[in-house]
Amino acid sequence: MKLPSVKFLSDEHGAVTLDWVVLTASIVALGVGAIALLVNINTDMGVKIGNSLSGAEVVTVDLLPKTSSTGND
C-alpha cells in the first residue's frame, strides 16, 4: 500500500489543467504587453498629428451661388 503523499505526487490527473493554465496565462501576458505597446505608439502618433493640424491653415471655398435671404427671387 502506497503512502498518501506518494500516491498524490504520482497522480497525473490535473496535469493537463496545469498546462492549460500556464498556456492561457502566457497568452494573456503577451496580449497585455502588445496592447500596452500599441497604446503608447498610438498616443505618440496622435500627438504628432495634432501638432501638425494645429498649425494648418483653413481655406474657405465658396462653390455655391449666392441666394437672397428673403426668398423673393
N, C-alpha and C. Protein backbone atom coordinates (compact mmCIF):
# COMPACT_ATOMS: atom_id res chain seq x y z
N MET A 1 0.83 -1.17 0.00
CA MET A 1 0.00 0.00 0.00
C MET A 1 0.88 1.25 0.00
N LYS A 2 0.55 2.18 -0.90
CA LYS A 2 1.33 3.41 -1.02
C LYS A 2 0.92 4.42 0.03
N LEU A 3 1.89 5.21 0.41
CA LEU A 3 1.60 6.32 1.31
C LEU A 3 0.76 7.36 0.57
N PRO A 4 -0.10 8.08 1.24
CA PRO A 4 -0.95 9.08 0.58
C PRO A 4 -0.15 10.15 -0.16
N SER A 5 0.99 10.57 0.39
CA SER A 5 1.77 11.61 -0.27
C SER A 5 2.41 11.09 -1.56
N VAL A 6 2.86 9.84 -1.56
CA VAL A 6 3.45 9.25 -2.76
C VAL A 6 2.36 9.07 -3.82
N LYS A 7 1.20 8.63 -3.39
CA LYS A 7 0.09 8.45 -4.32
C LYS A 7 -0.31 9.80 -4.94
N PHE A 8 -0.34 10.85 -4.12
CA PHE A 8 -0.72 12.18 -4.61
C PHE A 8 0.31 12.69 -5.62
N LEU A 9 1.59 12.53 -5.33
CA LEU A 9 2.64 13.03 -6.22
C LEU A 9 2.73 12.25 -7.52
N SER A 10 2.35 10.97 -7.50
CA SER A 10 2.42 10.17 -8.72
C SER A 10 1.16 10.27 -9.57
N ASP A 11 0.11 10.88 -9.03
CA ASP A 11 -1.15 11.02 -9.76
C ASP A 11 -1.00 12.12 -10.81
N GLU A 12 -1.35 11.82 -12.06
CA GLU A 12 -1.19 12.78 -13.15
C GLU A 12 -2.51 13.40 -13.58
N HIS A 13 -3.60 13.12 -12.90
CA HIS A 13 -4.86 13.77 -13.21
C HIS A 13 -4.75 15.24 -12.84
N GLY A 14 -5.08 16.09 -13.74
CA GLY A 14 -4.97 17.52 -13.47
C GLY A 14 -3.72 18.14 -14.08
N ALA A 15 -2.80 17.32 -14.56
CA ALA A 15 -1.59 17.86 -15.18
C ALA A 15 -1.94 18.63 -16.45
N VAL A 16 -2.95 18.16 -17.17
CA VAL A 16 -3.39 18.86 -18.38
C VAL A 16 -3.98 20.21 -18.00
N THR A 17 -4.69 20.26 -16.90
CA THR A 17 -5.27 21.52 -16.44
C THR A 17 -4.16 22.53 -16.14
N LEU A 18 -3.11 22.09 -15.52
CA LEU A 18 -1.98 22.98 -15.23
C LEU A 18 -1.35 23.48 -16.52
N ASP A 19 -1.23 22.63 -17.52
CA ASP A 19 -0.70 23.05 -18.82
C ASP A 19 -1.56 24.15 -19.42
N TRP A 20 -2.87 23.98 -19.36
CA TRP A 20 -3.78 24.99 -19.92
C TRP A 20 -3.70 26.30 -19.15
N VAL A 21 -3.54 26.23 -17.85
CA VAL A 21 -3.43 27.45 -17.04
C VAL A 21 -2.17 28.21 -17.42
N VAL A 22 -1.06 27.51 -17.56
CA VAL A 22 0.20 28.16 -17.93
C VAL A 22 0.10 28.74 -19.34
N LEU A 23 -0.47 27.99 -20.26
CA LEU A 23 -0.63 28.46 -21.64
C LEU A 23 -1.53 29.69 -21.70
N THR A 24 -2.64 29.65 -21.01
CA THR A 24 -3.57 30.78 -21.00
C THR A 24 -2.94 32.01 -20.36
N ALA A 25 -2.22 31.83 -19.28
CA ALA A 25 -1.55 32.95 -18.62
C ALA A 25 -0.50 33.58 -19.54
N SER A 26 0.20 32.75 -20.29
CA SER A 26 1.20 33.27 -21.23
C SER A 26 0.55 34.08 -22.34
N ILE A 27 -0.55 33.59 -22.87
CA ILE A 27 -1.26 34.31 -23.94
C ILE A 27 -1.81 35.64 -23.42
N VAL A 28 -2.36 35.63 -22.23
CA VAL A 28 -2.88 36.87 -21.64
C VAL A 28 -1.75 37.87 -21.42
N ALA A 29 -0.62 37.41 -20.93
CA ALA A 29 0.52 38.30 -20.69
C ALA A 29 1.02 38.90 -22.00
N LEU A 30 1.09 38.11 -23.05
CA LEU A 30 1.50 38.63 -24.36
C LEU A 30 0.50 39.65 -24.88
N GLY A 31 -0.78 39.38 -24.69
CA GLY A 31 -1.82 40.31 -25.14
C GLY A 31 -1.75 41.63 -24.41
N VAL A 32 -1.55 41.59 -23.11
CA VAL A 32 -1.45 42.83 -22.32
C VAL A 32 -0.21 43.62 -22.74
N GLY A 33 0.88 42.94 -22.98
CA GLY A 33 2.10 43.62 -23.44
C GLY A 33 1.92 44.26 -24.80
N ALA A 34 1.26 43.56 -25.71
CA ALA A 34 1.02 44.11 -27.05
C ALA A 34 0.10 45.32 -26.98
N ILE A 35 -0.93 45.26 -26.16
CA ILE A 35 -1.86 46.39 -26.03
C ILE A 35 -1.13 47.60 -25.44
N ALA A 36 -0.31 47.39 -24.44
CA ALA A 36 0.44 48.49 -23.83
C ALA A 36 1.37 49.14 -24.85
N LEU A 37 2.01 48.34 -25.67
CA LEU A 37 2.90 48.87 -26.70
C LEU A 37 2.12 49.66 -27.74
N LEU A 38 0.99 49.13 -28.19
CA LEU A 38 0.20 49.82 -29.21
C LEU A 38 -0.41 51.11 -28.69
N VAL A 39 -0.82 51.14 -27.45
CA VAL A 39 -1.38 52.37 -26.87
C VAL A 39 -0.31 53.46 -26.85
N ASN A 40 0.89 53.10 -26.48
CA ASN A 40 1.99 54.07 -26.43
C ASN A 40 2.30 54.61 -27.82
N ILE A 41 2.36 53.74 -28.81
CA ILE A 41 2.66 54.16 -30.19
C ILE A 41 1.54 55.05 -30.72
N ASN A 42 0.28 54.67 -30.47
CA ASN A 42 -0.84 55.46 -30.97
C ASN A 42 -0.92 56.82 -30.30
N THR A 43 -0.58 56.90 -29.03
CA THR A 43 -0.59 58.19 -28.33
C THR A 43 0.45 59.13 -28.94
N ASP A 44 1.64 58.62 -29.21
CA ASP A 44 2.68 59.44 -29.82
C ASP A 44 2.25 59.91 -31.21
N MET A 45 1.65 59.02 -31.98
CA MET A 45 1.20 59.38 -33.33
C MET A 45 0.09 60.42 -33.25
N GLY A 46 -0.81 60.30 -32.31
CA GLY A 46 -1.89 61.27 -32.14
C GLY A 46 -1.36 62.64 -31.79
N VAL A 47 -0.34 62.70 -30.95
CA VAL A 47 0.26 63.99 -30.60
C VAL A 47 0.91 64.62 -31.82
N LYS A 48 1.60 63.82 -32.63
CA LYS A 48 2.24 64.35 -33.84
C LYS A 48 1.20 64.87 -34.83
N ILE A 49 0.12 64.13 -35.01
CA ILE A 49 -0.94 64.58 -35.93
C ILE A 49 -1.59 65.84 -35.40
N GLY A 50 -1.86 65.90 -34.11
CA GLY A 50 -2.45 67.10 -33.50
C GLY A 50 -1.57 68.32 -33.67
N ASN A 51 -0.27 68.15 -33.49
CA ASN A 51 0.65 69.27 -33.67
C ASN A 51 0.68 69.74 -35.12
N SER A 52 0.63 68.80 -36.05
CA SER A 52 0.62 69.18 -37.47
C SER A 52 -0.66 69.92 -37.84
N LEU A 53 -1.79 69.45 -37.34
CA LEU A 53 -3.07 70.07 -37.69
C LEU A 53 -3.26 71.41 -36.99
N SER A 54 -2.66 71.61 -35.84
CA SER A 54 -2.84 72.88 -35.14
C SER A 54 -2.19 74.04 -35.89
N GLY A 55 -1.19 73.76 -36.69
CA GLY A 55 -0.54 74.81 -37.47
C GLY A 55 -1.08 74.93 -38.88
N ALA A 56 -2.07 74.14 -39.23
CA ALA A 56 -2.61 74.16 -40.60
C ALA A 56 -3.52 75.36 -40.80
N GLU A 57 -3.51 75.87 -42.03
CA GLU A 57 -4.37 77.00 -42.38
C GLU A 57 -5.63 76.45 -43.05
N VAL A 58 -6.77 76.95 -42.63
CA VAL A 58 -8.05 76.51 -43.19
C VAL A 58 -8.47 77.51 -44.26
N VAL A 59 -8.75 77.01 -45.45
CA VAL A 59 -9.17 77.85 -46.57
C VAL A 59 -10.64 77.58 -46.84
N THR A 60 -11.44 78.65 -46.96
CA THR A 60 -12.85 78.51 -47.27
C THR A 60 -13.04 78.59 -48.77
N VAL A 61 -13.73 77.63 -49.34
CA VAL A 61 -14.00 77.60 -50.77
C VAL A 61 -15.51 77.75 -50.95
N ASP A 62 -15.93 78.81 -51.67
CA ASP A 62 -17.35 79.05 -51.93
C ASP A 62 -17.67 78.59 -53.35
N LEU A 63 -18.35 77.49 -53.49
CA LEU A 63 -18.71 76.99 -54.80
C LEU A 63 -20.19 77.16 -55.10
N LEU A 64 -21.00 77.45 -54.10
CA LEU A 64 -22.43 77.59 -54.30
C LEU A 64 -22.77 79.04 -54.64
N PRO A 65 -23.76 79.24 -55.53
CA PRO A 65 -24.15 80.62 -55.87
C PRO A 65 -24.82 81.28 -54.67
N LYS A 66 -24.68 82.60 -54.61
CA LYS A 66 -25.28 83.35 -53.52
C LYS A 66 -26.78 83.46 -53.76
N THR A 67 -27.59 83.28 -52.73
CA THR A 67 -29.04 83.44 -52.83
C THR A 67 -29.48 84.50 -51.84
N SER A 68 -30.62 85.09 -52.13
CA SER A 68 -31.11 86.12 -51.22
C SER A 68 -31.75 85.46 -50.01
N SER A 69 -31.70 86.13 -48.91
CA SER A 69 -32.24 85.56 -47.68
C SER A 69 -33.73 85.81 -47.54
N THR A 70 -34.33 86.65 -48.42
CA THR A 70 -35.76 86.95 -48.31
C THR A 70 -36.62 85.89 -48.96
N GLY A 71 -36.10 85.18 -49.90
CA GLY A 71 -36.88 84.17 -50.59
C GLY A 71 -37.66 84.72 -51.77
N ASN A 72 -37.54 86.00 -52.08
CA ASN A 72 -38.24 86.63 -53.22
C ASN A 72 -37.26 86.81 -54.36
N ASP A 73 -36.98 85.79 -55.09
CA ASP A 73 -36.01 85.88 -56.20
C ASP A 73 -36.64 86.39 -57.45
